[in-house]
Structures are given as C-alpha cells and as structure tokens.
C-alpha cells in the first residue's frame, strides 16, 4: 500500500504566514491605541460632567456651591459624595474632626473612580490614600482665602454671584497627579512646597524655579487625596499658564502658583460653572485663563477664545 501524504505548510510558507500576521498586527496596533485613548478621554469627560452636575445638585439643596476647603481641610469633592451616589461613604466621614484624624483614615483610603482620570497611568500619589485628578478653581489670586474664583477657603458662592456668567467661569480642571517622588524630575509630577509662613506673601512669578533647579523643598504628592481641599490637593489657582515650564509652588497648602498639567494628547479638560465640559488648548493666553477663573471681575473672556 502506498502511504498517503498529508497536506502541510512548508517552513517557507509558515514564515510567510507569520510575517503577514505580524504586519496586520502592526497596522491594527495604532488603531487600537487610538480607540483606547479616545475611550479614556470620554471617561474623563464623563467624570467631569458628573462632578459638575453634582455641584449643581448640591447648590439646589444648599443654595451655595460647596467650599473649596473648610476649616478641617475637607474638599468640595468630599461634600459632593451624596450627589454622586456615594452617600454611604459620606456617612462615615467625621467632618467635625480634622481631615487627618484617625476616625477618617478608612474613608481617606477609599478609591473613587469618578475622581480618577483613566488617562493618568499613575494610580496614586501617596500610599493608602484615594487620589484625584480633578482640582476645583479657587481663582486668579495666590491665596485660597478670599480668592476671586468659585471654590476657595470657606467659600459659599451661589450661582447668582457668578457675575461673569456661569458659561464663562471655570469650575474644575483636570491635571496630572504627583508620583510620590521627592526629587525634582519633572514639573508635571513634582512641585515646590514651602512651609515658611511668609512664603505666600512673598510669592513672585519666578518663585520656586531656583528651588526646583537646586532640588530643594520638592514634593510629589499633588492630588494625593480627594478628601483634602488644600492647595494642589483639592484646589488650584489660575496663576500659571497650562503646562507652564515652571514648577507649581504650594505655600503650606494655603495657596500658591499652579498650572493644570495636561494628560496625553496635549489638551486640558475642564468643567465650566454652567455644567458643560470643554477641552482646552495648552496654549491658552494667561490673561484669558485668569479672566475665566474669576467669578465677578467683569473681564470680557470666553472659552471660545
């Protein structure tokens, strides 16, 4: 009997098939990455929209927006929990005690997906803390106290007090978290933290620049806790251009210099006081940026500029 020969690929044909598969994967990979990036941007936009709507729901209940930072350092995000279907977490927080009190340890560790941008690959800026990528606008001045924005120290701003118009006033900005590092590697992740009480009063445009070069007073805990309302934790000031090459500077959490740091794609997502969400160019003029951050300055500025 004659043995039957089974059909099979030759080694050359097999190599051709493998090469074709590799070529097709190479063509598909960028498209997959673009799809995933678009999905991440959409999720971040949805997060901002949800937080902005929660602010309006809070306003409907309390006739004011939540403070950016209260006397115990709780953030606007913490006050919004009942309006983003997190009332069970809200009930565990002891708002009558300091943020760092042991009674609040459990709540501070909870990770809230609505406060995290999927575009930021770093999950946390400090161990055992639920981080955030969204900071609330305090205004165009350095200090959190008595600022001219919407969410500052013990603020109680009603929507009718936003004389510049809710559609022309910044509410929340998306930014990169810190990476926990204590060395000056990049202004996108690290900033300069000053603890001298005079630091806030003595701030200048170039403050922090030399410290960053000299690797002094460096912190990498920006946005470390969604519960914390202090400067660069739950609030920011529109005092530097977006993606400014100079480092952010915090004056012991009381205020300072800050720029929103864009995530992949070079655009910065923001929520506006009318509840809308915008994607802004990183090249927006600082004067326009400051005008958009104030609630009643009378400036002629809009997000379409």
C-alpha atoms as a PDB file:
ATOM      1  CA  UNK A   1       0.000   0.000   0.000  1.00  0.00           C
ATOM      2  CA  UNK A   2       1.182   3.446  -0.848  1.00  0.00           C
ATOM      3  CA  UNK A   3       1.468   5.792   2.173  1.00  0.00           C
ATOM      4  CA  UNK A   4      -0.746   8.837   2.000  1.00  0.00           C
ATOM      5  CA  UNK A   5       0.963  12.206   2.210  1.00  0.00           C
ATOM      6  CA  UNK A   6      -0.722  14.739   4.445  1.00  0.00           C
ATOM      7  CA  UNK A   7      -1.015  18.313   3.236  1.00  0.00           C
ATOM      8  CA  UNK A   8       1.137  20.671   5.327  1.00  0.00           C
ATOM      9  CA  UNK A   9       2.843  24.042   5.240  1.00  0.00           C
ATOM     10  CA  UNK A  10       6.438  24.189   4.277  1.00  0.00           C
ATOM     11  CA  UNK A  11       8.761  26.147   6.544  1.00  0.00           C
ATOM     12  CA  UNK A  12       8.897  28.935   3.983  1.00  0.00           C
ATOM     13  CA  UNK A  13       5.101  29.171   3.804  1.00  0.00           C
ATOM     14  CA  UNK A  14       4.845  29.192   7.602  1.00  0.00           C
ATOM     15  CA  UNK A  15       7.292  32.088   7.794  1.00  0.00           C
ATOM     16  CA  UNK A  16       5.258  33.981   5.215  1.00  0.00           C
ATOM     17  CA  UNK A  17       2.058  33.494   7.265  1.00  0.00           C
ATOM     18  CA  UNK A  18       3.771  34.634  10.460  1.00  0.00           C
ATOM     19  CA  UNK A  19       5.133  37.704   8.682  1.00  0.00           C
ATOM     20  CA  UNK A  20       1.674  38.566   7.340  1.00  0.00           C
ATOM     21  CA  UNK A  21       0.116  38.222  10.794  1.00  0.00           C
ATOM     22  CA  UNK A  22       2.822  40.465  12.250  1.00  0.00           C
ATOM     23  CA  UNK A  23       2.227  43.017   9.521  1.00  0.00           C
ATOM     24  CA  UNK A  24      -1.524  43.053  10.171  1.00  0.00           C
ATOM     25  CA  UNK A  25      -0.983  43.419  13.920  1.00  0.00           C
ATOM     26  CA  UNK A  26       1.378  46.323  13.283  1.00  0.00           C
ATOM     27  CA  UNK A  27      -1.351  48.008  11.245  1.00  0.00           C
ATOM     28  CA  UNK A  28      -4.019  47.374  13.865  1.00  0.00           C
ATOM     29  CA  UNK A  29      -1.987  48.327  16.945  1.00  0.00           C
ATOM     30  CA  UNK A  30      -2.084  52.128  16.416  1.00  0.00           C
ATOM     31  CA  UNK A  31      -5.821  51.958  15.763  1.00  0.00           C
ATOM     32  CA  UNK A  32      -6.313  50.001  18.995  1.00  0.00           C
ATOM     33  CA  UNK A  33      -4.261  52.544  20.911  1.00  0.00           C
ATOM     34  CA  UNK A  34      -6.264  55.417  19.423  1.00  0.00           C
ATOM     35  CA  UNK A  35      -9.518  53.695  20.349  1.00  0.00           C
ATOM     36  CA  UNK A  36      -8.366  53.128  23.909  1.00  0.00           C
ATOM     37  CA  UNK A  37      -7.145  56.727  24.200  1.00  0.00           C
ATOM     38  CA  UNK A  38     -10.474  58.029  22.894  1.00  0.00           C
ATOM     39  CA  UNK A  39     -12.325  55.864  25.409  1.00  0.00           C
ATOM     40  CA  UNK A  40     -10.135  57.180  28.230  1.00  0.00           C
ATOM     41  CA  UNK A  41     -10.783  60.793  27.182  1.00  0.00           C
ATOM     42  CA  UNK A  42     -14.504  60.106  27.031  1.00  0.00           C
ATOM     43  CA  UNK A  43     -14.450  58.578  30.520  1.00  0.00           C
ATOM     44  CA  UNK A  44     -12.596  61.581  31.928  1.00  0.00           C
ATOM     45  CA  UNK A  45     -15.106  63.903  30.275  1.00  0.00           C
ATOM     46  CA  UNK A  46     -17.927  61.886  31.808  1.00  0.00           C
ATOM     47  CA  UNK A  47     -16.272  62.140  35.233  1.00  0.00           C
ATOM     48  CA  UNK A  48     -16.062  65.904  34.972  1.00  0.00           C
ATOM     49  CA  UNK A  49     -19.650  66.112  33.799  1.00  0.00           C
ATOM     50  CA  UNK A  50     -20.808  64.011  36.737  1.00  0.00           C
ATOM     51  CA  UNK A  51     -18.893  66.148  39.241  1.00  0.00           C
ATOM     52  CA  UNK A  52     -20.208  69.375  37.684  1.00  0.00           C
ATOM     53  CA  UNK A  53     -23.795  68.127  37.836  1.00  0.00           C
ATOM     54  CA  UNK A  54     -23.209  67.103  41.456  1.00  0.00           C
ATOM     55  CA  UNK A  55     -22.155  70.692  42.178  1.00  0.00           C
ATOM     56  CA  UNK A  56     -25.455  71.914  40.751  1.00  0.00           C
ATOM     57  CA  UNK A  57     -27.404  69.360  42.769  1.00  0.00           C
ATOM     58  CA  UNK A  58     -25.548  70.467  45.906  1.00  0.00           C
ATOM     59  CA  UNK A  59     -26.418  74.063  45.026  1.00  0.00           C
ATOM     60  CA  UNK A  60     -30.088  73.189  44.619  1.00  0.00           C
ATOM     61  CA  UNK A  61     -30.068  71.724  48.129  1.00  0.00           C
ATOM     62  CA  UNK A  62     -27.886  74.279  49.923  1.00  0.00           C
ATOM     63  CA  UNK A  63     -28.287  77.422  47.765  1.00  0.00           C
ATOM     64  CA  UNK A  64     -24.487  77.634  47.502  1.00  0.00           C
ATOM     65  CA  UNK A  65     -21.717  75.587  45.962  1.00  0.00           C
ATOM     66  CA  UNK A  66     -19.527  73.622  48.407  1.00  0.00           C
ATOM     67  CA  UNK A  67     -16.432  75.328  49.823  1.00  0.00           C
ATOM     68  CA  UNK A  68     -13.137  74.549  48.154  1.00  0.00           C
ATOM     69  CA  UNK A  69     -11.548  73.952  51.541  1.00  0.00           C
ATOM     70  CA  UNK A  70     -13.103  74.170  55.013  1.00  0.00           C
ATOM     71  CA  UNK A  71     -11.543  74.695  58.438  1.00  0.00           C
ATOM     72  CA  UNK A  72     -10.854  70.968  58.820  1.00  0.00           C
ATOM     73  CA  UNK A  73      -9.405  70.806  55.278  1.00  0.00           C
ATOM     74  CA  UNK A  74     -12.221  68.828  53.694  1.00  0.00           C
ATOM     75  CA  UNK A  75     -12.604  69.294  49.971  1.00  0.00           C
ATOM     76  CA  UNK A  76     -15.534  70.112  47.746  1.00  0.00           C
ATOM     77  CA  UNK A  77     -15.290  66.526  46.465  1.00  0.00           C
ATOM     78  CA  UNK A  78     -15.958  65.205  49.966  1.00  0.00           C
ATOM     79  CA  UNK A  79     -19.050  67.412  50.306  1.00  0.00           C
ATOM     80  CA  UNK A  80     -20.365  66.199  46.945  1.00  0.00           C
ATOM     81  CA  UNK A  81     -20.413  62.489  47.804  1.00  0.00           C
ATOM     82  CA  UNK A  82     -24.193  62.272  48.442  1.00  0.00           C
ATOM     83  CA  UNK A  83     -24.772  63.698  44.962  1.00  0.00           C
ATOM     84  CA  UNK A  84     -22.608  61.137  43.142  1.00  0.00           C
ATOM     85  CA  UNK A  85     -24.271  58.105  44.740  1.00  0.00           C
ATOM     86  CA  UNK A  86     -21.656  57.775  47.485  1.00  0.00           C
ATOM     87  CA  UNK A  87     -23.753  58.702  50.498  1.00  0.00           C
ATOM     88  CA  UNK A  88     -22.602  55.554  52.312  1.00  0.00           C
ATOM     89  CA  UNK A  89     -19.009  56.844  52.224  1.00  0.00           C
ATOM     90  CA  UNK A  90     -20.154  60.351  53.139  1.00  0.00           C
ATOM     91  CA  UNK A  91     -21.809  58.998  56.287  1.00  0.00           C
ATOM     92  CA  UNK A  92     -18.515  57.530  57.503  1.00  0.00           C
ATOM     93  CA  UNK A  93     -16.637  60.848  57.364  1.00  0.00           C
ATOM     94  CA  UNK A  94     -16.326  62.814  60.594  1.00  0.00           C
ATOM     95  CA  UNK A  95     -16.489  66.351  59.232  1.00  0.00           C
ATOM     96  CA  UNK A  96     -16.352  67.790  62.762  1.00  0.00           C
ATOM     97  CA  UNK A  97     -12.846  66.367  63.190  1.00  0.00           C
ATOM     98  CA  UNK A  98      -9.655  67.224  61.309  1.00  0.00           C
ATOM     99  CA  UNK A  99      -9.086  65.518  57.981  1.00  0.00           C
ATOM    100  CA  UNK A 100      -6.056  63.645  59.347  1.00  0.00           C
ATOM    101  CA  UNK A 101      -7.915  62.326  62.407  1.00  0.00           C
ATOM    102  CA  UNK A 102      -7.787  58.535  62.772  1.00  0.00           C
ATOM    103  CA  UNK A 103     -11.574  58.479  62.599  1.00  0.00           C
ATOM    104  CA  UNK A 104     -11.255  59.438  58.916  1.00  0.00           C
ATOM    105  CA  UNK A 105      -8.498  57.004  57.965  1.00  0.00           C
ATOM    106  CA  UNK A 106     -10.818  54.438  56.433  1.00  0.00           C
ATOM    107  CA  UNK A 107     -12.674  56.935  54.274  1.00  0.00           C
ATOM    108  CA  UNK A 108      -9.433  58.552  53.053  1.00  0.00           C
ATOM    109  CA  UNK A 109      -8.208  55.216  51.717  1.00  0.00           C
ATOM    110  CA  UNK A 110     -11.236  54.625  49.511  1.00  0.00           C
ATOM    111  CA  UNK A 111     -10.540  54.891  45.789  1.00  0.00           C
ATOM    112  CA  UNK A 112     -13.229  56.765  43.876  1.00  0.00           C
ATOM    113  CA  UNK A 113     -13.193  56.055  40.139  1.00  0.00           C
ATOM    114  CA  UNK A 114     -15.190  59.203  39.428  1.00  0.00           C
ATOM    115  CA  UNK A 115     -12.267  61.276  40.773  1.00  0.00           C
ATOM    116  CA  UNK A 116      -9.626  59.470  38.695  1.00  0.00           C
ATOM    117  CA  UNK A 117      -8.800  60.106  35.060  1.00  0.00           C
ATOM    118  CA  UNK A 118      -8.083  56.870  33.165  1.00  0.00           C
ATOM    119  CA  UNK A 119      -5.611  58.872  31.079  1.00  0.00           C
ATOM    120  CA  UNK A 120      -3.198  59.140  34.021  1.00  0.00           C
ATOM    121  CA  UNK A 121      -1.180  55.911  34.346  1.00  0.00           C
ATOM    122  CA  UNK A 122      -0.143  56.649  37.945  1.00  0.00           C
ATOM    123  CA  UNK A 123      -2.878  55.319  40.258  1.00  0.00           C
ATOM    124  CA  UNK A 124      -1.894  57.110  43.468  1.00  0.00           C
ATOM    125  CA  UNK A 125       0.378  59.891  44.665  1.00  0.00           C
ATOM    126  CA  UNK A 126       0.674  58.697  48.251  1.00  0.00           C
ATOM    127  CA  UNK A 127       0.237  55.210  49.750  1.00  0.00           C
ATOM    128  CA  UNK A 128      -3.085  54.370  51.380  1.00  0.00           C
ATOM    129  CA  UNK A 129      -4.869  57.427  50.024  1.00  0.00           C
ATOM    130  CA  UNK A 130      -7.543  57.664  47.365  1.00  0.00           C
ATOM    131  CA  UNK A 131      -6.200  60.158  44.843  1.00  0.00           C
ATOM    132  CA  UNK A 132      -7.873  62.543  42.399  1.00  0.00           C
ATOM    133  CA  UNK A 133      -7.132  64.125  39.022  1.00  0.00           C
ATOM    134  CA  UNK A 134      -9.635  66.969  39.391  1.00  0.00           C
ATOM    135  CA  UNK A 135      -8.963  70.253  41.174  1.00  0.00           C
ATOM    136  CA  UNK A 136     -11.506  72.993  41.912  1.00  0.00           C
ATOM    137  CA  UNK A 137     -10.890  76.564  40.794  1.00  0.00           C
ATOM    138  CA  UNK A 138     -10.109  78.968  43.645  1.00  0.00           C
ATOM    139  CA  UNK A 139      -9.461  81.972  41.400  1.00  0.00           C
ATOM    140  CA  UNK A 140      -6.666  84.100  39.976  1.00  0.00           C
ATOM    141  CA  UNK A 141      -5.091  85.198  43.271  1.00  0.00           C
ATOM    142  CA  UNK A 142      -2.343  83.347  45.117  1.00  0.00           C
ATOM    143  CA  UNK A 143      -4.138  82.692  48.425  1.00  0.00           C
ATOM    144  CA  UNK A 144      -7.058  80.330  48.953  1.00  0.00           C
ATOM    145  CA  UNK A 145      -8.521  82.801  51.443  1.00  0.00           C
ATOM    146  CA  UNK A 146     -10.769  85.470  49.907  1.00  0.00           C
ATOM    147  CA  UNK A 147      -9.922  84.476  46.346  1.00  0.00           C
ATOM    148  CA  UNK A 148     -11.923  85.661  43.349  1.00  0.00           C
ATOM    149  CA  UNK A 149     -12.958  82.285  41.925  1.00  0.00           C
ATOM    150  CA  UNK A 150     -15.640  79.851  42.994  1.00  0.00           C
ATOM    151  CA  UNK A 151     -14.042  77.281  45.337  1.00  0.00           C
ATOM    152  CA  UNK A 152     -11.715  78.874  47.879  1.00  0.00           C
ATOM    153  CA  UNK A 153     -11.214  78.818  51.659  1.00  0.00           C
ATOM    154  CA  UNK A 154     -14.646  78.533  53.320  1.00  0.00           C
ATOM    155  CA  UNK A 155     -16.309  79.793  50.145  1.00  0.00           C
ATOM    156  CA  UNK A 156     -20.089  79.897  49.903  1.00  0.00           C
ATOM    157  CA  UNK A 157     -20.664  81.015  46.355  1.00  0.00           C
ATOM    158  CA  UNK A 158     -24.112  80.894  44.821  1.00  0.00           C
ATOM    159  CA  UNK A 159     -24.559  80.672  41.076  1.00  0.00           C
ATOM    160  CA  UNK A 160     -26.190  84.108  41.061  1.00  0.00           C
ATOM    161  CA  UNK A 161     -22.941  85.511  42.487  1.00  0.00           C
ATOM    162  CA  UNK A 162     -21.034  84.499  39.355  1.00  0.00           C
ATOM    163  CA  UNK A 163     -21.496  87.825  37.592  1.00  0.00           C
ATOM    164  CA  UNK A 164     -19.121  86.938  34.768  1.00  0.00           C
ATOM    165  CA  UNK A 165     -21.644  84.291  33.731  1.00  0.00           C
ATOM    166  CA  UNK A 166     -21.642  80.599  34.523  1.00  0.00           C
ATOM    167  CA  UNK A 167     -20.758  79.756  30.910  1.00  0.00           C
ATOM    168  CA  UNK A 168     -17.624  81.947  31.155  1.00  0.00           C
ATOM    169  CA  UNK A 169     -16.332  80.820  34.554  1.00  0.00           C
ATOM    170  CA  UNK A 170     -14.078  77.888  35.310  1.00  0.00           C
ATOM    171  CA  UNK A 171     -15.275  75.276  37.785  1.00  0.00           C
ATOM    172  CA  UNK A 172     -12.944  72.244  37.759  1.00  0.00           C
ATOM    173  CA  UNK A 173      -9.730  71.362  35.945  1.00  0.00           C
ATOM    174  CA  UNK A 174      -8.141  68.032  35.105  1.00  0.00           C
ATOM    175  CA  UNK A 175      -4.441  67.595  35.913  1.00  0.00           C
ATOM    176  CA  UNK A 176      -1.732  65.002  36.432  1.00  0.00           C
ATOM    177  CA  UNK A 177      -1.196  63.552  39.887  1.00  0.00           C
ATOM    178  CA  UNK A 178       2.172  63.537  41.589  1.00  0.00           C
ATOM    179  CA  UNK A 179       4.193  60.350  41.554  1.00  0.00           C
ATOM    180  CA  UNK A 180       5.231  60.454  45.215  1.00  0.00           C
ATOM    181  CA  UNK A 181       8.794  61.376  44.335  1.00  0.00           C
ATOM    182  CA  UNK A 182      10.896  63.713  46.458  1.00  0.00           C
ATOM    183  CA  UNK A 183      13.435  64.630  43.784  1.00  0.00           C
ATOM    184  CA  UNK A 184      12.969  67.256  41.090  1.00  0.00           C
ATOM    185  CA  UNK A 185      12.476  65.142  37.976  1.00  0.00           C
ATOM    186  CA  UNK A 186       9.659  66.888  36.091  1.00  0.00           C
ATOM    187  CA  UNK A 187       7.281  69.756  36.870  1.00  0.00           C
ATOM    188  CA  UNK A 188       4.464  67.535  35.600  1.00  0.00           C
ATOM    189  CA  UNK A 189       4.768  65.338  38.696  1.00  0.00           C
ATOM    190  CA  UNK A 190       6.732  67.269  41.335  1.00  0.00           C
ATOM    191  CA  UNK A 191       6.290  70.744  42.781  1.00  0.00           C
ATOM    192  CA  UNK A 192       7.934  73.023  45.339  1.00  0.00           C
ATOM    193  CA  UNK A 193       6.383  73.048  48.812  1.00  0.00           C
ATOM    194  CA  UNK A 194       7.258  75.986  51.047  1.00  0.00           C
ATOM    195  CA  UNK A 195       6.380  75.958  54.754  1.00  0.00           C
ATOM    196  CA  UNK A 196       7.551  79.439  55.743  1.00  0.00           C
ATOM    197  CA  UNK A 197       4.522  81.489  56.816  1.00  0.00           C
ATOM    198  CA  UNK A 198       5.833  84.452  54.823  1.00  0.00           C
ATOM    199  CA  UNK A 199       6.071  82.432  51.605  1.00  0.00           C
ATOM    200  CA  UNK A 200       2.559  83.241  50.410  1.00  0.00           C
ATOM    201  CA  UNK A 201       3.019  86.968  50.970  1.00  0.00           C
ATOM    202  CA  UNK A 202       6.402  86.984  49.234  1.00  0.00           C
ATOM    203  CA  UNK A 203       5.420  84.993  46.131  1.00  0.00           C
ATOM    204  CA  UNK A 204       6.730  86.231  42.790  1.00  0.00           C
ATOM    205  CA  UNK A 205       6.408  84.982  39.236  1.00  0.00           C
ATOM    206  CA  UNK A 206       9.709  83.106  39.404  1.00  0.00           C
ATOM    207  CA  UNK A 207       9.156  81.658  42.868  1.00  0.00           C
ATOM    208  CA  UNK A 208      10.137  78.018  43.095  1.00  0.00           C
ATOM    209  CA  UNK A 209      12.204  77.983  39.913  1.00  0.00           C
ATOM    210  CA  UNK A 210      15.596  78.031  41.628  1.00  0.00           C
ATOM    211  CA  UNK A 211      14.419  75.651  44.352  1.00  0.00           C
ATOM    212  CA  UNK A 212      13.416  73.153  41.686  1.00  0.00           C
ATOM    213  CA  UNK A 213      16.790  73.503  39.965  1.00  0.00           C
ATOM    214  CA  UNK A 214      18.545  73.015  43.305  1.00  0.00           C
ATOM    215  CA  UNK A 215      16.307  70.061  44.222  1.00  0.00           C
ATOM    216  CA  UNK A 216      15.070  71.800  47.379  1.00  0.00           C
ATOM    217  CA  UNK A 217      11.652  71.574  49.026  1.00  0.00           C
ATOM    218  CA  UNK A 218      10.421  69.045  46.460  1.00  0.00           C
ATOM    219  CA  UNK A 219       7.125  67.179  46.870  1.00  0.00           C
ATOM    220  CA  UNK A 220       5.397  64.675  44.610  1.00  0.00           C
ATOM    221  CA  UNK A 221       2.027  64.388  46.332  1.00  0.00           C
ATOM    222  CA  UNK A 222      -0.108  66.610  44.093  1.00  0.00           C
ATOM    223  CA  UNK A 223      -3.742  65.396  44.169  1.00  0.00           C
ATOM    224  CA  UNK A 224      -2.901  62.745  46.774  1.00  0.00           C
ATOM    225  CA  UNK A 225      -6.349  62.734  48.409  1.00  0.00           C
ATOM    226  CA  UNK A 226      -9.796  63.519  47.048  1.00  0.00           C
ATOM    227  CA  UNK A 227     -10.853  64.364  50.626  1.00  0.00           C
ATOM    228  CA  UNK A 228      -8.238  67.110  51.024  1.00  0.00           C
ATOM    229  CA  UNK A 229      -9.253  70.612  49.930  1.00  0.00           C
ATOM    230  CA  UNK A 230      -5.931  72.345  50.415  1.00  0.00           C
ATOM    231  CA  UNK A 231      -3.933  73.886  47.598  1.00  0.00           C
ATOM    232  CA  UNK A 232      -2.760  71.339  44.982  1.00  0.00           C
ATOM    233  CA  UNK A 233      -4.791  68.660  46.749  1.00  0.00           C
ATOM    234  CA  UNK A 234      -8.363  69.713  46.053  1.00  0.00           C
ATOM    235  CA  UNK A 235      -7.936  73.270  44.755  1.00  0.00           C
ATOM    236  CA  UNK A 236      -5.744  75.235  42.353  1.00  0.00           C
ATOM    237  CA  UNK A 237      -5.214  78.856  41.361  1.00  0.00           C
ATOM    238  CA  UNK A 238      -5.090  80.044  37.759  1.00  0.00           C
ATOM    239  CA  UNK A 239      -1.753  81.745  38.279  1.00  0.00           C
ATOM    240  CA  UNK A 240       0.367  79.979  35.677  1.00  0.00           C
ATOM    241  CA  UNK A 241      -0.318  79.042  32.063  1.00  0.00           C
ATOM    242  CA  UNK A 242      -1.426  75.487  31.429  1.00  0.00           C
ATOM    243  CA  UNK A 243       1.640  73.220  31.212  1.00  0.00           C
ATOM    244  CA  UNK A 244       3.908  76.057  32.364  1.00  0.00           C
ATOM    245  CA  UNK A 245       7.584  75.060  32.317  1.00  0.00           C
ATOM    246  CA  UNK A 246       7.982  76.480  35.820  1.00  0.00           C
ATOM    247  CA  UNK A 247       7.082  74.317  38.825  1.00  0.00           C
ATOM    248  CA  UNK A 248       3.935  74.684  40.880  1.00  0.00           C
ATOM    249  CA  UNK A 249       4.566  76.225  44.302  1.00  0.00           C
ATOM    250  CA  UNK A 250       2.486  75.438  47.384  1.00  0.00           C
ATOM    251  CA  UNK A 251       2.718  77.642  50.464  1.00  0.00           C
ATOM    252  CA  UNK A 252       1.885  75.065  53.115  1.00  0.00           C
ATOM    253  CA  UNK A 253      -1.438  74.322  51.421  1.00  0.00           C
ATOM    254  CA  UNK A 254      -2.695  77.886  51.890  1.00  0.00           C
ATOM    255  CA  UNK A 255      -2.301  78.839  48.241  1.00  0.00           C
ATOM    256  CA  UNK A 256       0.419  79.402  45.682  1.00  0.00           C
ATOM    257  CA  UNK A 257       1.267  79.156  41.999  1.00  0.00           C
ATOM    258  CA  UNK A 258      -0.192  76.397  39.866  1.00  0.00           C
ATOM    259  CA  UNK A 259      -0.766  75.231  36.322  1.00  0.00           C
ATOM    260  CA  UNK A 260      -3.003  72.442  35.119  1.00  0.00           C
ATOM    261  CA  UNK A 261      -0.817  69.696  33.675  1.00  0.00           C
ATOM    262  CA  UNK A 262      -2.306  68.090  30.588  1.00  0.00           C
ATOM    263  CA  UNK A 263      -2.646  64.368  30.201  1.00  0.00           C
ATOM    264  CA  UNK A 264      -1.724  62.563  26.942  1.00  0.00           C
ATOM    265  CA  UNK A 265      -2.928  64.459  23.889  1.00  0.00           C
ATOM    266  CA  UNK A 266      -1.877  67.943  24.971  1.00  0.00           C
ATOM    267  CA  UNK A 267      -5.387  69.150  25.809  1.00  0.00           C
ATOM    268  CA  UNK A 268      -6.763  70.029  29.244  1.00  0.00           C
ATOM    269  CA  UNK A 269     -10.318  69.018  30.113  1.00  0.00           C
ATOM    270  CA  UNK A 270     -12.259  71.425  32.310  1.00  0.00           C
ATOM    271  CA  UNK A 271     -15.772  71.727  33.661  1.00  0.00           C
ATOM    272  CA  UNK A 272     -17.494  75.111  33.460  1.00  0.00           C
ATOM    273  CA  UNK A 273     -19.913  76.538  36.003  1.00  0.00           C
ATOM    274  CA  UNK A 274     -22.864  76.035  33.658  1.00  0.00           C
ATOM    275  CA  UNK A 275     -22.210  72.279  33.849  1.00  0.00           C
ATOM    276  CA  UNK A 276     -20.587  71.910  30.444  1.00  0.00           C
ATOM    277  CA  UNK A 277     -17.206  70.273  29.796  1.00  0.00           C
ATOM    278  CA  UNK A 278     -14.553  71.710  27.482  1.00  0.00           C
ATOM    279  CA  UNK A 279     -11.198  70.567  26.090  1.00  0.00           C
ATOM    280  CA  UNK A 280      -8.794  73.481  26.074  1.00  0.00           C
ATOM    281  CA  UNK A 281      -5.588  74.082  24.170  1.00  0.00           C
ATOM    282  CA  UNK A 282      -2.416  74.121  26.215  1.00  0.00           C
ATOM    283  CA  UNK A 283      -1.516  77.441  24.560  1.00  0.00           C
ATOM    284  CA  UNK A 284      -4.381  79.493  26.025  1.00  0.00           C
ATOM    285  CA  UNK A 285      -3.228  83.012  26.966  1.00  0.00           C
ATOM    286  CA  UNK A 286      -2.609  83.562  30.693  1.00  0.00           C
ATOM    287  CA  UNK A 287      -4.677  86.757  30.776  1.00  0.00           C
ATOM    288  CA  UNK A 288      -7.631  84.913  29.282  1.00  0.00           C
ATOM    289  CA  UNK A 289      -7.062  81.992  31.642  1.00  0.00           C
ATOM    290  CA  UNK A 290      -7.102  84.260  34.684  1.00  0.00           C
ATOM    291  CA  UNK A 291     -10.214  86.050  33.412  1.00  0.00           C
ATOM    292  CA  UNK A 292     -12.018  82.720  33.022  1.00  0.00           C
ATOM    293  CA  UNK A 293     -11.140  81.785  36.601  1.00  0.00           C
ATOM    294  CA  UNK A 294     -12.787  84.828  38.209  1.00  0.00           C
ATOM    295  CA  UNK A 295     -16.464  84.967  39.102  1.00  0.00           C
ATOM    296  CA  UNK A 296     -17.075  88.717  39.029  1.00  0.00           C
ATOM    297  CA  UNK A 297     -14.094  90.508  37.540  1.00  0.00           C
ATOM    298  CA  UNK A 298     -16.026  91.927  34.618  1.00  0.00           C
ATOM    299  CA  UNK A 299     -13.480  90.652  32.078  1.00  0.00           C
ATOM    300  CA  UNK A 300     -14.586  90.024  28.526  1.00  0.00           C
ATOM    301  CA  UNK A 301     -13.405  86.441  28.128  1.00  0.00           C
ATOM    302  CA  UNK A 302     -14.997  83.195  26.984  1.00  0.00           C
ATOM    303  CA  UNK A 303     -13.924  79.593  26.478  1.00  0.00           C
ATOM    304  CA  UNK A 304     -14.294  80.080  22.723  1.00  0.00           C
ATOM    305  CA  UNK A 305     -11.341  82.483  22.581  1.00  0.00           C
END
